[in-house]
């Protein structure tokens, strides 16, 4: 075999190997496991409850403000549900409820402050 033939065979082997590795990692290899994040849903409900209660027990609050607070409280569940449906796609993570964890979870990111900010709590 001359040098030109050897170089062509070597180049063909590199191309075939590279294509095989690319195909394997792209379509055959299992996907990465999702990252995990926690969310304290109970805290979100307690904060909303405290927010609405503060308005309702305020004697100086007009009836319209109290009615609006009750209206927002009844819509809170649906608002939170929509947010929870969109959150895994947004953060590319698997959400776990804080109550489902046993012990501290320092390695998991806590999305509760971000969701609290979005909900205005």
Protein backbone atom coordinates (compact mmCIF):
# COMPACT_ATOMS: atom_id res chain seq x y z
CA UNK A 1 0.00 0.00 0.00
CA UNK A 2 1.31 3.39 -0.89
CA UNK A 3 1.04 6.52 1.27
CA UNK A 4 -1.93 7.92 -0.66
CA UNK A 5 -4.03 4.78 -0.19
CA UNK A 6 -3.11 4.61 3.50
CA UNK A 7 -4.14 8.24 3.98
CA UNK A 8 -7.48 7.65 2.21
CA UNK A 9 -8.22 4.56 4.32
CA UNK A 10 -7.30 6.44 7.47
CA UNK A 11 -9.48 9.41 6.47
CA UNK A 12 -12.41 7.10 5.67
CA UNK A 13 -12.04 5.40 9.07
CA UNK A 14 -12.02 8.76 10.86
CA UNK A 15 -15.13 9.89 8.96
CA UNK A 16 -17.03 6.66 9.64
CA UNK A 17 -16.06 6.68 13.33
CA UNK A 18 -17.04 10.33 13.74
CA UNK A 19 -20.38 9.76 12.03
CA UNK A 20 -21.06 6.70 14.20
CA UNK A 21 -20.30 8.60 17.41
CA UNK A 22 -22.46 11.53 16.30
CA UNK A 23 -25.39 9.26 15.42
CA UNK A 24 -25.06 7.42 18.72
CA UNK A 25 -25.00 10.52 20.88
CA UNK A 26 -27.75 12.23 18.92
CA UNK A 27 -30.33 9.47 18.46
CA UNK A 28 -29.37 6.29 20.31
CA UNK A 29 -27.89 7.35 23.66
CA UNK A 30 -30.41 7.90 26.46
CA UNK A 31 -31.10 11.54 27.27
CA UNK A 32 -29.59 13.21 30.29
CA UNK A 33 -31.61 12.82 33.45
CA UNK A 34 -33.55 16.00 34.22
CA UNK A 35 -32.31 18.41 36.81
CA UNK A 36 -34.37 18.59 39.97
CA UNK A 37 -35.87 21.65 41.65
CA UNK A 38 -38.14 22.10 44.65
CA UNK A 39 -41.15 24.30 45.18
CA UNK A 40 -42.91 24.94 48.49
CA UNK A 41 -46.54 25.09 47.39
CA UNK A 42 -47.75 25.22 50.98
CA UNK A 43 -45.78 28.41 51.56
CA UNK A 44 -47.32 29.99 48.46
CA UNK A 45 -50.84 29.22 49.72
CA UNK A 46 -50.02 30.49 53.23
CA UNK A 47 -48.65 33.74 51.81
CA UNK A 48 -51.72 34.26 49.63
CA UNK A 49 -53.98 33.49 52.58
CA UNK A 50 -52.12 36.02 54.75
CA UNK A 51 -52.33 38.61 51.98
CA UNK A 52 -56.09 38.20 51.59
CA UNK A 53 -56.69 38.00 55.34
CA UNK A 54 -54.83 41.27 55.89
CA UNK A 55 -57.20 43.00 53.50
CA UNK A 56 -60.33 41.37 54.90
CA UNK A 57 -59.60 42.17 58.56
CA UNK A 58 -58.74 45.78 57.79
CA UNK A 59 -61.79 47.73 58.98
CA UNK A 60 -60.87 50.73 56.85
CA UNK A 61 -60.81 48.72 53.62
CA UNK A 62 -63.74 49.51 51.32
CA UNK A 63 -66.15 46.76 50.29
CA UNK A 64 -64.82 46.86 46.71
CA UNK A 65 -61.28 46.15 47.91
CA UNK A 66 -62.50 43.24 50.00
CA UNK A 67 -64.50 41.83 47.09
CA UNK A 68 -61.48 42.18 44.81
CA UNK A 69 -59.30 40.36 47.36
CA UNK A 70 -61.77 37.48 47.52
CA UNK A 71 -61.94 37.38 43.73
CA UNK A 72 -58.13 37.21 43.44
CA UNK A 73 -58.02 34.52 46.12
CA UNK A 74 -60.47 32.34 44.21
CA UNK A 75 -58.46 32.82 40.98
CA UNK A 76 -55.17 32.02 42.73
CA UNK A 77 -55.50 28.25 42.36
CA UNK A 78 -55.94 28.47 38.60
CA UNK A 79 -53.13 31.01 38.25
CA UNK A 80 -50.78 28.77 40.22
CA UNK A 81 -51.84 25.72 38.20
CA UNK A 82 -51.03 27.46 34.91
CA UNK A 83 -47.68 28.56 36.28
CA UNK A 84 -46.86 25.05 37.49
CA UNK A 85 -47.77 23.60 34.09
CA UNK A 86 -45.37 25.94 32.29
CA UNK A 87 -42.54 25.88 34.83
CA UNK A 88 -40.90 22.50 33.97
CA UNK A 89 -40.52 23.49 30.32
CA UNK A 90 -39.20 26.89 31.30
CA UNK A 91 -36.59 25.67 33.79
CA UNK A 92 -35.98 22.35 32.01
CA UNK A 93 -36.28 20.59 35.33
CA UNK A 94 -38.40 18.14 37.25
CA UNK A 95 -40.31 19.86 40.05
CA UNK A 96 -40.62 18.26 43.46
CA UNK A 97 -42.91 19.48 46.20
CA UNK A 98 -40.98 20.59 49.29
CA UNK A 99 -43.21 18.35 51.42
CA UNK A 100 -42.15 15.28 49.41
CA UNK A 101 -38.52 15.66 50.51
CA UNK A 102 -37.15 14.11 53.65
CA UNK A 103 -34.36 16.16 55.14
CA UNK A 104 -32.46 19.09 53.69
CA UNK A 105 -31.81 19.29 49.97
CA UNK A 106 -28.89 21.69 49.52
CA UNK A 107 -28.08 20.44 46.02
CA UNK A 108 -31.56 21.21 44.65
CA UNK A 109 -32.48 24.65 43.44
CA UNK A 110 -35.47 26.19 45.21
CA UNK A 111 -37.85 27.93 42.82
CA UNK A 112 -40.17 29.18 45.58
CA UNK A 113 -38.72 32.74 45.75
CA UNK A 114 -39.03 33.16 41.97
CA UNK A 115 -42.63 31.91 41.92
CA UNK A 116 -43.44 34.07 44.95
CA UNK A 117 -42.16 37.10 43.03
CA UNK A 118 -44.17 36.20 39.93
CA UNK A 119 -47.36 35.79 41.91
CA UNK A 120 -46.81 39.05 43.77
CA UNK A 121 -46.62 37.48 47.20
